[in-house]
Protein backbone atom coordinates (compact mmCIF):
# COMPACT_ATOMS: atom_id res chain seq x y z
CA MET A 1 -14.46 16.11 -190.76
CA ASN A 2 -18.24 16.38 -190.99
CA SER A 3 -20.62 13.58 -191.94
CA ASN A 4 -20.97 14.78 -195.52
CA GLU A 5 -17.21 14.59 -196.05
CA ALA A 6 -17.06 11.13 -194.48
CA PHE A 7 -19.95 9.93 -196.64
CA SER A 8 -18.27 11.39 -199.72
CA ARG A 9 -15.07 9.52 -198.92
CA ARG A 10 -16.90 6.21 -198.37
CA SER A 11 -18.76 6.68 -201.64
CA PHE A 12 -15.50 7.39 -203.41
CA ARG A 13 -13.97 4.12 -202.16
CA ARG A 14 -17.13 2.16 -203.01
CA VAL A 15 -17.15 3.41 -206.60
CA LEU A 16 -13.48 2.53 -207.12
CA ARG A 17 -13.98 -0.98 -205.70
CA ARG A 18 -16.87 -1.55 -208.07
CA ARG A 19 -14.58 -0.56 -210.94
CA GLY A 20 -12.08 -3.22 -209.93
CA TYR A 21 -9.40 -1.10 -208.26
CA GLY A 22 -7.29 -2.76 -205.58
CA PRO A 23 -6.39 -1.36 -202.15
CA GLU A 24 -3.14 0.31 -203.29
CA ALA A 25 -4.79 1.98 -206.27
CA ILE A 26 -7.70 3.12 -204.10
CA ALA A 27 -5.29 4.58 -201.51
CA PHE A 28 -3.40 6.47 -204.23
CA ALA A 29 -6.59 7.78 -205.82
CA GLU A 30 -7.94 8.80 -202.42
CA GLY A 31 -4.73 10.69 -201.74
CA ILE A 32 -5.21 12.65 -204.94
CA ALA A 33 -8.91 13.28 -204.28
CA GLN A 34 -8.11 14.85 -200.91
CA ARG A 35 -6.46 18.18 -201.57
CA ALA A 36 -4.60 18.34 -198.27
CA ALA A 37 -3.11 14.88 -198.85
CA PHE A 38 -2.25 15.88 -202.41
CA ALA A 39 -0.42 18.98 -201.16
CA ARG A 40 1.56 16.98 -198.61
CA SER A 41 2.63 14.47 -201.26
CA PHE A 42 3.27 16.68 -204.26
CA LEU A 43 3.79 20.27 -203.09
CA GLY A 44 5.49 19.84 -199.72
CA PRO A 45 9.00 20.80 -200.87
CA ARG A 46 7.67 24.00 -202.46
CA LEU A 47 5.34 25.06 -199.66
CA GLY A 48 7.63 24.08 -196.80
CA ARG A 49 8.83 20.69 -195.65
CA ARG A 50 6.31 18.46 -193.86
CA TRP A 51 3.60 20.88 -194.89
CA ALA A 52 0.18 20.29 -193.34
CA PRO A 53 -2.92 22.47 -193.38
CA ARG A 54 -3.65 24.50 -190.29
CA GLY A 55 -6.82 23.44 -188.55
CA TYR A 56 -8.83 26.40 -189.76
CA GLN A 57 -7.73 25.84 -193.38
CA LEU A 58 -8.91 22.26 -193.84
CA GLY A 59 -12.63 22.90 -194.30
CA SER A 60 -12.07 25.51 -196.98
CA LEU A 61 -9.41 23.48 -198.75
CA GLU A 62 -11.65 20.42 -199.05
CA SER A 63 -14.81 22.39 -199.87
CA ARG A 64 -16.82 21.39 -202.95
CA ALA A 65 -19.03 24.52 -202.94
CA GLN A 66 -19.96 26.10 -206.25
CA PHE A 67 -19.62 29.63 -204.85
CA LYS A 68 -17.16 30.47 -202.09
CA CYS A 69 -15.95 33.76 -200.64
CA HIS A 70 -13.00 34.43 -198.38
CA CYS A 71 -13.20 37.78 -196.56
CA ASP A 72 -10.05 37.51 -194.47
CA GLY A 73 -7.26 39.34 -192.74
CA ARG A 74 -3.80 39.29 -194.23
CA ASN A 75 -1.19 36.53 -193.84
CA VAL A 76 -3.62 33.70 -193.19
CA GLY A 77 -2.89 31.35 -196.10
CA LYS A 78 -5.24 32.46 -198.91
CA THR A 79 -2.43 32.39 -201.47
CA THR A 80 -1.30 28.93 -200.36
CA GLU A 81 -4.82 27.58 -200.84
CA ILE A 82 -4.98 29.01 -204.36
CA ARG A 83 -1.63 27.42 -205.23
CA ILE A 84 -2.83 24.04 -203.99
CA LEU A 85 -6.17 24.28 -205.80
CA VAL A 86 -4.69 25.16 -209.18
CA ALA A 87 -2.08 22.39 -208.99
CA TRP A 88 -4.63 19.85 -207.74
CA THR A 89 -7.16 20.68 -210.43
CA ALA A 90 -4.57 20.39 -213.19
CA PHE A 91 -3.57 16.94 -211.94
CA ALA A 92 -6.80 15.46 -210.58
CA GLN A 93 -9.46 17.02 -212.83
CA PRO A 94 -8.94 15.97 -216.47
CA HIS A 95 -10.25 18.43 -219.07
CA ALA A 96 -10.94 21.11 -216.44
CA GLN A 97 -10.52 24.73 -217.54
CA VAL A 98 -9.25 26.90 -214.66
CA LEU A 99 -8.84 30.68 -214.57
CA LEU A 100 -6.64 32.47 -212.04
CA ALA A 101 -7.86 36.08 -212.06
CA ALA A 102 -7.02 39.40 -210.42
CA GLN A 103 -7.54 43.05 -211.22
CA TYR A 104 -3.84 43.87 -211.61
CA GLU A 105 -1.00 42.09 -213.35
CA ALA A 106 1.24 42.75 -210.36
CA HIS A 107 -1.06 40.50 -208.30
CA VAL A 108 -1.62 37.63 -210.72
CA THR A 109 1.78 37.23 -212.40
CA PRO A 110 3.95 36.47 -209.33
CA LEU A 111 1.36 34.00 -208.05
CA ALA A 112 1.11 32.30 -211.46
CA ASN A 113 4.88 31.97 -211.64
CA ARG A 114 4.94 30.32 -208.21
CA ILE A 115 2.26 27.85 -209.26
CA LEU A 116 4.20 27.00 -212.41
CA ALA A 117 7.30 26.44 -210.27
CA ASP A 118 5.25 24.15 -207.98
CA LEU A 119 4.22 22.05 -210.96
CA GLN A 120 7.69 21.90 -212.45
CA ALA A 121 9.33 20.98 -209.14
CA HIS A 122 7.68 17.55 -208.80
CA PRO A 123 8.48 14.96 -211.50
CA ASP A 124 4.95 13.51 -211.60
CA LEU A 125 3.38 16.95 -211.96
CA ALA A 126 5.97 18.12 -214.48
CA GLU A 127 5.42 14.97 -216.55
CA ASN A 128 1.76 15.94 -216.99
CA ILE A 129 2.62 19.35 -218.52
CA LEU A 130 2.03 19.41 -222.27
CA SER A 131 2.88 23.04 -223.04
CA VAL A 132 3.53 26.41 -221.40
CA ARG A 133 2.58 29.60 -223.24
CA LYS A 134 3.37 33.00 -221.75
CA GLN A 135 1.72 35.29 -224.29
CA PRO A 136 -0.72 36.94 -224.14
CA PHE A 137 -1.20 35.33 -220.71
CA LEU A 138 0.51 32.50 -218.88
CA THR A 139 -1.35 29.37 -220.01
CA VAL A 140 -0.40 25.81 -219.06
CA GLN A 141 -1.90 22.84 -220.90
CA PHE A 142 -1.73 19.33 -219.51
CA LYS A 143 -1.66 15.88 -221.10
CA ASN A 144 -4.92 14.96 -219.37
CA GLY A 145 -6.71 17.77 -221.21
CA ALA A 146 -6.77 20.21 -218.28
CA GLU A 147 -5.69 23.82 -218.75
CA TRP A 148 -5.22 26.84 -216.53
CA THR A 149 -4.65 30.46 -217.45
CA ALA A 150 -3.58 33.45 -215.32
CA VAL A 151 -5.30 36.66 -216.46
CA HIS A 152 -5.44 40.19 -215.06
CA ALA A 153 -8.53 42.25 -215.77
CA GLY A 154 -7.02 44.89 -218.02
CA GLU A 155 -8.99 47.94 -219.12
CA ASN A 156 -12.59 47.53 -217.90
CA GLY A 157 -12.05 43.79 -217.45
CA ASN A 158 -11.79 43.24 -221.20
CA ASN A 159 -9.15 40.52 -220.76
CA PHE A 160 -11.83 38.23 -219.31
CA GLN A 161 -13.89 38.41 -222.45
CA GLY A 162 -13.69 35.22 -224.49
CA GLN A 163 -12.71 33.10 -221.48
CA HIS A 164 -14.84 29.98 -220.82
CA VAL A 165 -13.79 28.14 -217.68
CA ASP A 166 -15.08 25.56 -215.24
CA TRP A 167 -13.45 27.21 -212.24
CA ALA A 168 -12.46 30.83 -211.59
CA LEU A 169 -10.22 31.68 -208.63
CA VAL A 170 -10.09 35.43 -207.96
CA ASP A 171 -7.25 36.82 -205.85
CA GLU A 172 -7.27 40.27 -204.15
CA ALA A 173 -10.95 40.44 -205.06
CA GLN A 174 -11.46 43.71 -203.18
CA ASN A 175 -9.65 45.51 -206.02
CA MET A 176 -11.91 44.19 -208.79
CA THR A 177 -13.96 46.91 -210.47
CA PRO A 178 -17.66 46.52 -211.36
CA GLN A 179 -16.72 46.35 -215.05
CA SER A 180 -14.23 43.57 -214.34
CA TRP A 181 -16.84 41.52 -212.47
CA SER A 182 -19.29 42.07 -215.31
CA ASN A 183 -16.81 40.51 -217.74
CA LEU A 184 -15.54 37.79 -215.41
CA ILE A 185 -18.81 36.25 -214.21
CA PRO A 186 -20.04 35.30 -217.73
CA ALA A 187 -16.68 33.60 -218.31
CA VAL A 188 -17.62 30.89 -215.78
CA ASN A 189 -19.45 28.06 -217.50
CA PRO A 190 -22.95 27.13 -216.26
CA GLY A 191 -22.52 25.00 -213.17
CA GLY A 192 -18.91 26.13 -212.82
CA ARG A 193 -17.24 27.32 -209.63
CA LEU A 194 -16.47 30.89 -208.61
CA TRP A 195 -14.19 31.17 -205.58
CA ILE A 196 -13.02 34.61 -204.51
CA TYR A 197 -10.41 35.72 -201.99
CA GLY A 198 -9.96 39.21 -200.63
CA VAL A 199 -9.28 41.56 -197.74
CA PRO A 200 -12.04 44.09 -197.02
CA ASN A 201 -11.29 47.76 -197.56
CA GLY A 202 -14.59 49.31 -196.51
CA PHE A 203 -15.68 50.27 -200.03
CA PRO A 204 -19.16 49.26 -201.25
CA THR A 205 -17.78 46.83 -203.84
CA ARG A 206 -19.13 43.67 -205.46
CA PHE A 207 -16.64 41.80 -203.27
CA LYS A 208 -18.43 43.13 -200.20
CA ASP A 209 -21.76 42.06 -201.69
CA PHE A 210 -20.44 38.54 -202.32
CA SER A 211 -19.04 38.31 -198.79
CA LEU A 212 -22.54 38.92 -197.41
CA SER A 213 -24.42 36.77 -199.90
CA PRO A 214 -26.06 33.52 -198.70
CA ARG A 215 -25.33 32.00 -202.13
CA PHE A 216 -21.63 31.92 -201.24
CA GLU A 217 -20.01 29.60 -198.74
CA GLN A 218 -18.44 32.15 -196.41
CA TYR A 219 -15.07 32.14 -194.65
CA ASN A 220 -13.54 34.74 -192.36
CA TRP A 221 -9.97 34.12 -191.22
CA PRO A 222 -8.56 36.87 -188.95
CA THR A 223 -4.80 37.26 -188.86
CA ARG A 224 -4.61 35.96 -185.28
CA LEU A 225 -5.35 32.44 -186.58
CA ASN A 226 -1.90 32.30 -188.16
CA PRO A 227 0.21 30.36 -185.62
CA ASP A 228 3.24 32.45 -186.58
CA MET A 229 1.47 35.55 -185.28
CA THR A 230 2.84 36.00 -181.78
CA PRO A 231 1.19 38.36 -179.28
CA GLU A 232 4.09 40.75 -179.90
CA ALA A 233 3.46 40.69 -183.67
CA LEU A 234 -0.25 41.35 -183.14
CA ASN A 235 0.61 44.27 -180.86
CA ASP A 236 2.84 45.64 -183.61
CA LEU A 237 -0.06 45.42 -186.07
CA GLU A 238 -2.33 47.20 -183.61
CA ALA A 239 0.18 50.04 -183.35
CA LEU A 240 0.77 50.10 -187.11
CA TYR A 241 -2.92 50.38 -187.98
CA GLY A 242 -3.81 52.90 -185.27
CA GLY A 243 -5.57 50.69 -182.73
CA LYS A 244 -8.13 47.90 -182.71
CA ALA A 245 -10.99 50.29 -183.43
CA HIS A 246 -9.35 51.77 -186.51
CA PRO A 247 -10.81 50.74 -189.89
CA HIS A 248 -7.42 49.63 -191.21
CA TYR A 249 -7.02 47.23 -188.27
CA ILE A 250 -10.57 45.95 -188.69
CA HIS A 251 -10.00 45.35 -192.39
CA ASN A 252 -6.46 43.99 -192.52
CA VAL A 253 -6.24 42.12 -189.21
CA LEU A 254 -9.82 41.10 -188.38
CA GLY A 255 -10.87 40.63 -192.01
CA GLN A 256 -14.15 42.44 -191.35
CA HIS A 257 -15.77 45.28 -193.24
CA GLY A 258 -16.16 47.65 -190.30
CA ALA A 259 -16.32 51.37 -190.89
CA PRO A 260 -15.47 52.47 -194.41
CA ALA A 261 -12.10 53.96 -195.19
CA ARG A 262 -12.04 56.66 -197.84
CA ALA A 263 -10.00 56.59 -201.02
CA VAL A 264 -7.22 59.18 -200.95
CA PHE A 265 -6.85 59.69 -204.69
CA PRO A 266 -9.84 60.48 -206.96
CA PHE A 267 -7.89 59.60 -210.10
CA THR A 268 -5.85 56.83 -211.74
CA PRO A 269 -2.28 58.06 -212.41
CA SER A 270 -1.80 56.33 -215.76
CA ARG A 271 -4.88 58.06 -217.16
CA LEU A 272 -3.07 61.39 -216.73
CA ARG A 273 -0.50 60.59 -219.38
CA THR A 274 2.75 62.42 -219.92
CA GLY A 275 3.97 63.00 -223.44
CA HIS A 276 7.64 62.67 -222.51
CA ALA A 277 9.74 59.52 -222.80
CA THR A 278 9.33 57.45 -219.65
CA PHE A 279 10.63 54.36 -217.90
CA CYS A 280 9.54 52.28 -214.92
CA CYS A 281 11.53 49.37 -213.59
CA ALA A 282 11.84 47.07 -210.59
CA GLY A 283 15.60 46.80 -210.43
CA LEU A 284 18.53 48.92 -211.49
CA PRO A 285 18.50 50.02 -215.15
CA ASP A 286 21.37 48.49 -217.10
CA LYS A 287 22.69 51.88 -218.16
CA VAL A 288 21.66 54.82 -215.99
CA GLY A 289 23.55 57.13 -218.33
CA ARG A 290 21.25 56.20 -221.21
CA LEU A 291 17.96 57.01 -219.50
CA PRO A 292 15.88 59.52 -221.50
CA ALA A 293 16.59 63.13 -220.54
CA VAL A 294 15.57 66.44 -222.12
CA ALA A 295 18.28 69.10 -222.12
CA GLY A 296 17.46 72.49 -220.68
CA LEU A 297 14.55 71.43 -218.44
CA PRO A 298 14.78 71.14 -214.64
CA TYR A 299 14.52 67.63 -213.16
CA TYR A 300 13.44 66.67 -209.65
CA LEU A 301 13.84 63.50 -207.58
CA GLY A 302 11.67 62.12 -204.79
CA CYS A 303 12.94 59.13 -202.78
CA ASP A 304 11.28 56.80 -200.31
CA LEU A 305 14.31 54.90 -199.07
CA GLY A 306 13.98 51.55 -197.33
CA PHE A 307 16.18 49.25 -195.35
CA SER A 308 16.25 45.48 -194.87
CA GLU A 309 13.37 44.08 -196.95
CA ASP A 310 11.58 47.41 -197.47
CA PRO A 311 11.85 48.60 -201.07
CA SER A 312 13.46 51.86 -202.06
CA VAL A 313 11.60 53.89 -204.66
CA PHE A 314 13.05 56.72 -206.77
CA SER A 315 10.52 58.95 -208.59
CA ILE A 316 11.88 61.31 -211.27
CA ALA A 317 10.06 64.28 -212.82
CA LEU A 318 10.81 67.10 -215.20
CA GLU A 319 8.97 70.43 -215.30
CA ASP A 320 8.18 72.35 -218.47
CA ARG A 321 5.95 75.36 -219.03
CA ASN A 322 2.79 73.26 -218.98
CA ALA A 323 3.16 70.71 -216.20
CA ALA A 324 5.40 68.49 -214.14
CA HIS A 325 5.91 65.13 -215.86
CA VAL A 326 6.77 62.05 -213.82
CA VAL A 327 9.09 60.39 -216.33
CA GLY A 328 10.71 57.59 -214.36
CA ARG A 329 10.49 55.22 -211.42
CA ILE A 330 13.06 52.81 -210.05
CA THR A 331 12.17 50.32 -207.32
CA LEU A 332 14.93 48.36 -205.57
CA SER A 333 14.84 45.87 -202.72
CA ASN A 334 17.46 44.90 -200.14
CA VAL A 335 19.84 47.72 -201.04
CA THR A 336 22.39 49.15 -198.63
CA TYR A 337 22.79 52.82 -197.80
CA PRO A 338 25.99 53.14 -199.91
CA GLU A 339 24.17 51.55 -202.88
CA GLN A 340 21.28 53.99 -202.53
CA GLN A 341 23.68 56.92 -202.30
CA ARG A 342 25.62 55.71 -205.33
CA LEU A 343 22.44 55.40 -207.40
CA ILE A 344 21.32 58.94 -206.51
CA ARG A 345 24.70 60.28 -207.58
CA GLN A 346 24.50 58.35 -210.87
CA LEU A 347 21.02 59.68 -211.51
CA ASP A 348 22.18 63.21 -210.72
CA GLU A 349 25.00 62.88 -213.23
CA ARG A 350 22.35 62.10 -215.83
CA PHE A 351 19.53 64.48 -214.88
CA HIS A 352 21.31 67.29 -212.92
CA PHE A 353 18.46 67.56 -210.42
CA HIS A 354 17.27 70.98 -209.36
CA CYS A 355 16.11 69.51 -206.06
CA ILE A 356 16.15 66.10 -204.35
CA ALA A 357 13.71 65.27 -201.53
CA LEU A 358 14.09 62.20 -199.32
CA ASP A 359 11.76 60.86 -196.65
CA LYS A 360 13.19 61.66 -193.24
CA GLY A 361 13.22 58.09 -192.00
CA HIS A 362 16.34 56.26 -190.85
CA SER A 363 17.42 55.43 -194.41
CA GLY A 364 16.59 58.79 -195.94
CA LEU A 365 18.28 60.72 -193.14
CA ALA A 366 21.46 58.62 -193.33
CA VAL A 367 21.73 58.78 -197.12
CA GLY A 368 20.76 62.46 -197.26
CA GLN A 369 23.36 63.52 -194.69
CA ASN A 370 26.06 61.61 -196.56
CA LEU A 371 25.06 63.34 -199.80
CA MET A 372 25.02 66.78 -198.17
CA ALA A 373 28.52 66.14 -196.83
CA LEU A 374 29.80 65.85 -200.42
CA GLY A 375 29.78 69.60 -200.91
CA VAL A 376 27.84 72.85 -200.98
CA ASP A 377 25.96 71.97 -204.18
CA TRP A 378 24.57 68.82 -202.59
CA ALA A 379 23.70 70.63 -199.37
CA ASP A 380 21.70 73.16 -201.40
CA LYS A 381 19.67 70.62 -203.39
CA VAL A 382 18.82 67.95 -200.75
CA ARG A 383 15.61 68.33 -198.73
CA PHE A 384 13.90 66.06 -196.17
CA ALA A 385 10.20 65.23 -196.02
CA ASP A 386 9.34 64.63 -192.37
CA PHE A 387 5.98 62.85 -192.65
CA GLY A 388 5.59 62.78 -188.88
CA SER A 389 6.00 66.51 -188.44
CA SER A 390 4.43 69.78 -189.57
CA THR A 391 5.22 72.39 -192.21
CA VAL A 392 4.54 76.10 -191.79
CA VAL A 393 2.65 77.42 -194.81
CA HIS A 394 2.96 81.15 -195.41
CA GLY A 395 0.28 83.11 -197.24
CA GLU A 396 -0.10 86.59 -198.62
CA PHE A 397 -3.37 87.28 -196.82
CA HIS A 398 -3.18 85.16 -193.70
CA GLU A 399 -0.90 84.36 -190.84
CA PRO A 400 1.49 81.38 -191.19
CA VAL A 401 -0.39 78.12 -190.71
CA LYS A 402 0.99 74.79 -189.52
CA ARG A 403 -0.02 71.83 -191.65
CA TYR A 404 0.79 68.16 -191.18
CA THR A 405 3.47 67.56 -193.78
CA LYS A 406 2.09 64.30 -195.16
CA GLU A 407 -1.39 65.77 -195.58
CA LEU A 408 0.00 68.90 -197.20
CA LEU A 409 2.12 67.04 -199.75
CA THR A 410 -0.78 64.70 -200.51
CA GLU A 411 -3.07 67.67 -201.16
CA ILE A 412 -0.50 69.28 -203.45
CA LEU A 413 -0.18 66.01 -205.37
CA ILE A 414 -3.96 65.68 -205.74
CA ARG A 415 -4.49 69.30 -206.75
CA ARG A 416 -1.76 69.25 -209.37
CA ALA A 417 -3.04 65.98 -210.84
CA LEU A 418 -6.66 67.17 -211.03
CA ASP A 419 -5.51 70.43 -212.65
CA LYS A 420 -3.46 68.42 -215.20
CA GLN A 421 -0.33 70.05 -213.77
CA LEU A 422 1.08 66.64 -212.86
CA LEU A 423 1.25 63.87 -215.47
CA PHE A 424 2.34 60.24 -215.08
CA PRO A 425 3.75 57.41 -217.18
CA LEU A 426 1.92 54.16 -217.82
CA ASP A 427 2.75 52.27 -214.62
CA GLU A 428 0.48 49.53 -213.30
CA CYS A 429 2.40 49.25 -210.01
CA ARG A 430 1.74 52.92 -209.31
CA ASP A 431 -1.92 52.57 -210.32
CA ARG A 432 -2.37 49.63 -207.96
CA GLN A 433 -0.91 51.50 -204.99
CA TYR A 434 -2.94 54.64 -205.67
CA ALA A 435 -6.17 52.65 -206.06
CA GLY A 436 -5.69 50.87 -202.72
CA HIS A 437 -4.55 53.89 -200.69
CA THR A 438 -7.16 54.94 -198.14
CA PHE A 439 -7.47 57.20 -195.13
CA ALA A 440 -9.61 57.50 -192.02
CA TYR A 441 -9.94 60.16 -189.35
CA ALA A 442 -8.33 59.58 -185.98
CA PRO A 443 -10.17 60.78 -182.83
CA SER A 444 -7.92 63.86 -182.90
CA GLY A 445 -9.29 64.75 -186.34
CA ARG A 446 -6.00 63.99 -188.09
CA MET A 447 -6.07 61.95 -191.29
CA VAL A 448 -4.43 58.53 -190.95
CA TYR A 449 -3.30 56.94 -194.21
CA SER A 450 -3.20 53.22 -194.88
CA LYS A 451 0.26 51.68 -194.75
CA GLY A 452 2.10 48.71 -196.15
CA ASN A 453 1.79 49.23 -199.89
CA ASP A 454 2.55 52.91 -200.37
CA HIS A 455 6.26 53.22 -201.19
CA ILE A 456 5.67 54.65 -204.67
CA ILE A 457 3.12 57.07 -203.22
CA ASP A 458 5.57 58.24 -200.55
CA ALA A 459 8.23 58.75 -203.24
CA ASP A 460 5.71 60.87 -205.16
CA ARG A 461 4.93 62.82 -201.99
CA CYS A 462 8.65 63.53 -201.63
CA LEU A 463 8.66 64.57 -205.27
CA MET A 464 6.01 67.19 -204.44
CA LEU A 465 8.32 68.59 -201.80
CA ALA A 466 11.16 68.75 -204.33
CA LEU A 467 8.91 70.57 -206.82
CA HIS A 468 7.64 73.05 -204.21
CA ALA A 469 10.65 73.36 -201.92
CA GLU A 470 11.19 77.05 -202.68
CA ALA A 471 7.52 77.90 -202.18
CA LEU A 472 7.25 76.00 -198.91
CA GLU A 473 10.43 77.55 -197.54
CA ALA A 474 9.71 81.13 -198.67
CA PRO A 475 8.08 83.63 -196.31
CA SER A 476 5.38 84.26 -198.95
CA THR A 477 3.83 82.00 -201.55
CA GLU A 478 2.68 84.86 -203.78
CA ALA A 479 5.04 84.00 -206.63
CA HIS A 480 4.43 80.26 -206.55
CA GLY A 481 0.78 80.07 -205.55
CA LEU A 482 -0.41 77.34 -203.23
CA PRO A 483 -4.18 77.91 -203.14
CA PRO A 484 -6.23 75.83 -200.74
CA LEU A 485 -7.56 72.52 -201.98
CA VAL A 486 -11.32 72.08 -201.52
CA MET A 487 -12.54 68.50 -201.79
CA GLY A 488 -15.78 66.79 -200.94
CA PHE A 489 -16.12 63.24 -199.58
């Protein structure tokens, strides 16, 4: 604790004594005024029993800065701090208007639901809730006049328009677009607080500007500060991100800007809209047999299959004379190999897939081999996308060329999308993954893609293999045409 904090605490006690409060009342009020003490008393059961801030968290948690920026690694406690701050403000700051903001709904909604659960779990906090409204955004009003709202930016940040708040907390700030910032900043009342939390991605964003601005109180928490991060876990991260010098390691582990990583996709999927009936769901559809299907058109399936806690994603497309249309996505978590196999068979009964491509990981290989063992028809339609290997590309006017499979399928996906030969449904989860997917060049010259939030993208890559299986396996691509993709960075 620095001298300013100690002086602030002494002043707080002195003011309460002058107002006639006794020792017990002063102790209670002091416990509420200190956010760490508040969290221990009111949020402990939700955040973990006997919760206490880690040493590096305390200064930020108790900060009273008007502008604050966290440029951190992952898994260091940013989300926990936001949960504490929103709950504390609603209880200890009467009439305060608080905004929890993020670019994407998939970021803000789960966090808002956890905060609401925190408030409802403690009787004293729950007693202060006056109303809960979930449309158009989750808004909680309190009996002391405080209110907090969870809002995602929407198109060009328009959802922030009309908001007038005393405190804005921005999560995953690195994803915020310039238009979103332009609409968010005026929503903070004069003299209000703007606290932002993000992980650098190397892009020249407003978040990067804020993280270097002297107007903001700055914090940088690398992942190694997390006491749960063992040396073995840190070594795993080093291997995952391609070494300590790799931009993805510098961004996600060190929480530093480092060398820029490039965006893989120069488009937003949902802006390339399909005209066919579509569906996207996190969880198994109630009736697979009732999913929309068009008779007479070939359907294709791309699968990124997971195990344990990794999600499994199923991407479905149909192809007509004009383009391939991604018409469905299913994302499941904690599903066994037999469950994955059963779902693929159910989907095939509905869509009669022309080709099915699975990633050649442990899950995909196991499920795919079981499917191929069902009969000749299955053996003919199942393909494997080996992202760690190469594919020989044949051409009419050149010798066969080896291409890294993941790069090749990514290029096909990009080229088809830019040529409007690949159209997508409205799917914010897909948009979020595409927007955050980056690459950097390894010393060997090979492109290394960011990992950790790319399961839908990998399913779409597999879908490209399903759509182009005949062309990639044929000795000549004359009939199918796979011209080279020329892109500038």
